[in-house]
Protein backbone atom coordinates (compact mmCIF):
# COMPACT_ATOMS: atom_id res chain seq x y z
CA MET A 1 -76.48 27.78 -72.85
CA LYS A 2 -75.34 27.45 -70.12
CA LEU A 3 -71.26 27.82 -69.14
CA PRO A 4 -69.63 25.00 -67.71
CA ASP A 5 -67.94 25.04 -63.75
CA LEU A 6 -64.84 26.08 -63.55
CA LYS A 7 -64.59 25.07 -59.97
CA LEU A 8 -61.33 23.09 -59.62
CA PRO A 9 -61.84 20.82 -57.25
CA ASP A 10 -59.61 20.79 -53.74
CA PHE A 11 -56.19 19.15 -54.30
CA SER A 12 -55.57 19.69 -50.89
CA SER A 13 -55.72 16.37 -49.96
CA LEU A 14 -54.14 14.92 -52.50
CA VAL A 15 -51.39 16.95 -51.39
CA THR A 16 -49.24 16.00 -48.30
CA PRO A 17 -48.31 18.55 -45.78
CA PRO A 18 -44.07 18.72 -45.77
CA PRO A 19 -42.59 17.09 -42.76
CA ILE A 20 -42.01 18.50 -39.82
CA ILE A 21 -38.21 19.58 -39.04
CA PRO A 22 -36.86 19.49 -35.30
CA ASN A 23 -35.52 22.41 -33.75
CA LEU A 24 -31.36 21.51 -33.99
CA ASP A 25 -30.15 22.48 -30.81
CA LEU A 26 -26.46 23.17 -31.16
CA LYS A 27 -25.67 22.18 -27.64
CA THR A 28 -26.26 18.27 -28.76
CA PRO A 29 -22.83 16.93 -28.13
CA ARG A 30 -20.03 17.77 -31.03
CA ILE A 31 -20.06 14.58 -33.82
CA VAL A 32 -16.49 12.88 -33.28
CA SER A 33 -14.28 13.25 -36.13
CA ALA A 34 -11.79 11.12 -37.34
CA ILE A 35 -8.84 12.60 -35.96
CA ASP A 36 -10.27 12.81 -32.55
CA ASN A 37 -10.99 9.03 -33.15
CA ILE A 38 -6.93 8.19 -33.49
CA GLN A 39 -6.19 10.92 -30.81
CA ASN A 40 -8.36 8.85 -28.53
CA ILE A 41 -7.15 5.42 -29.61
CA ASN A 42 -3.36 6.60 -29.33
CA ARG A 43 -4.21 7.56 -25.87
CA LEU A 44 -5.84 4.41 -25.21
CA ARG A 45 -2.66 2.50 -26.28
CA ASN A 46 -0.37 4.84 -24.65
CA MET A 47 -2.69 4.19 -21.33
CA ASP A 48 -2.06 0.53 -22.30
CA ASN A 49 1.41 -0.04 -22.77
CA LEU A 50 2.47 2.37 -19.55
CA SER A 51 0.17 0.05 -17.45
CA TYR A 52 1.84 -2.81 -19.17
CA GLN A 53 5.46 -1.04 -18.37
CA ILE A 54 4.32 -0.53 -14.79
CA ARG A 55 3.73 -4.16 -14.52
CA LEU A 56 6.89 -5.20 -15.41
CA LYS A 57 8.73 -2.92 -13.11
CA GLU A 58 6.48 -4.36 -10.23
CA GLN A 59 7.87 -7.95 -11.69
CA GLN A 60 11.08 -6.88 -11.63
CA LYS A 61 10.77 -4.82 -8.17
CA LYS A 62 10.03 -8.50 -6.74
CA ILE A 63 12.60 -9.96 -8.65
CA TYR A 64 15.21 -7.45 -6.93
CA GLU A 65 13.71 -7.89 -4.11
CA LYS A 66 14.23 -11.50 -4.19
CA ARG A 67 18.20 -11.50 -5.09
CA LEU A 68 18.23 -8.97 -2.37
CA LYS A 69 16.80 -11.26 0.44
CA SER A 70 18.99 -14.19 -0.99
CA ILE A 71 22.28 -12.11 -1.23
CA ASN A 72 21.72 -11.07 2.29
CA SER A 73 21.44 -14.56 3.83
CA THR A 74 23.99 -15.79 2.13
CA LEU A 75 26.07 -12.74 3.47
CA ASP A 76 24.78 -14.51 6.86
CA ILE A 77 25.47 -17.67 6.19
CA LYS A 78 29.20 -16.42 5.50
CA ILE A 79 29.35 -14.96 8.98
CA GLY A 80 27.82 -17.46 10.61
CA ARG A 81 30.96 -19.61 9.33
CA ILE A 82 33.43 -17.60 9.74
CA LEU A 83 32.56 -17.03 13.48
CA SER A 84 32.06 -20.94 14.02
CA ILE A 85 35.44 -21.28 12.77
CA ILE A 86 36.67 -18.29 15.08
CA ILE A 87 35.21 -20.28 17.79
CA ILE A 88 36.35 -23.75 17.18
CA PHE A 89 39.79 -22.20 16.81
CA ILE A 90 39.99 -20.45 20.03
CA SER A 91 37.86 -22.18 22.47
CA VAL A 92 38.69 -25.74 20.37
CA VAL A 93 42.04 -26.20 18.81
CA ILE A 94 44.15 -23.73 21.79
CA PRO A 95 42.59 -25.64 24.70
CA PHE A 96 43.41 -28.92 22.84
CA LEU A 97 46.78 -28.01 22.22
CA ILE A 98 47.51 -26.33 26.31
CA VAL A 99 46.08 -30.19 27.37
CA ALA A 100 48.53 -31.73 25.03
CA PHE A 101 51.36 -29.60 25.99
CA GLN A 102 50.45 -29.73 30.01
CA ASP A 103 53.67 -30.94 31.22
CA SER A 104 55.78 -28.44 29.38
CA LEU A 105 53.43 -25.21 30.18
CA GLU A 106 53.60 -25.68 34.09
CA CYS A 107 54.58 -21.88 34.44
CA TYR A 108 51.48 -20.86 32.71
CA GLN A 109 48.76 -22.42 34.72
CA LEU A 110 47.20 -19.35 35.75
CA TYR A 111 47.21 -17.83 32.55
CA ILE A 112 45.98 -20.48 30.83
CA TYR A 113 42.96 -20.87 33.31
CA ILE A 114 42.22 -17.15 32.26
CA TYR A 115 42.21 -17.90 28.46
CA LEU A 116 40.04 -21.15 29.14
CA ILE A 117 37.29 -19.28 31.44
CA ALA A 118 37.82 -15.91 28.80
CA SER A 119 37.64 -17.53 25.63
CA PHE A 120 34.51 -19.79 27.13
CA VAL A 121 32.74 -16.96 28.04
CA LEU A 122 33.89 -14.89 24.74
CA SER A 123 32.66 -17.53 22.31
CA MET A 124 29.50 -18.41 24.02
CA LEU A 125 28.48 -15.16 24.29
CA SER A 126 28.87 -14.50 20.67
CA MET A 127 27.27 -17.42 19.80
CA SER A 128 24.44 -16.36 21.67
CA ILE A 129 24.41 -12.60 19.88
CA TYR A 130 24.59 -14.58 16.67
CA LEU A 131 21.83 -16.66 17.09
CA PHE A 132 19.48 -14.00 18.87
CA TRP A 133 20.31 -11.58 16.04
CA PHE A 134 19.33 -14.15 13.56
CA TRP A 135 16.62 -15.55 15.45
CA LYS A 136 15.00 -11.60 14.94
CA LYS A 137 15.05 -11.57 11.72
C-alpha cells in the first residue's frame, strides 16, 4: 500500500505580502493643534482690528487737518477785515473829516499834510504786505 502524499500545497500565493510602511520622518512639520488654530485666529483678528483702527485714526487726522485749515483761513479773513477797517478809518474817514473842517484847521496845515502822506503810505504798505503774505500761503 502506498502512503498518501502529505505534502502541502504552496500557500504563499494566497497570502499577500504586508504593506510597506514608510519611514516616519521626525522633521516633518508639526500637526497644528486646536489651541494653535485659535491663537492664530485671535492674532489675525487683532491684526485686522489694528489695521481698522489705523484707518480710523488716519481719517480723523484728515478731518482735524481740514478743521485746522478752515480755522486758519477764518483767522486770516478776520485779520483782513480788521486791517481793512483800520485802513478805512485812518486813510478815508479822518482825511474826510479834515477836508470837511478845513477852514477851522487852517493853522495845522503842515501837520495835516504830513498826516495825509504818512497815512496813505502806511495804509498802502500794510495792504501790500497783507496781500503778499496771503498770496504766499
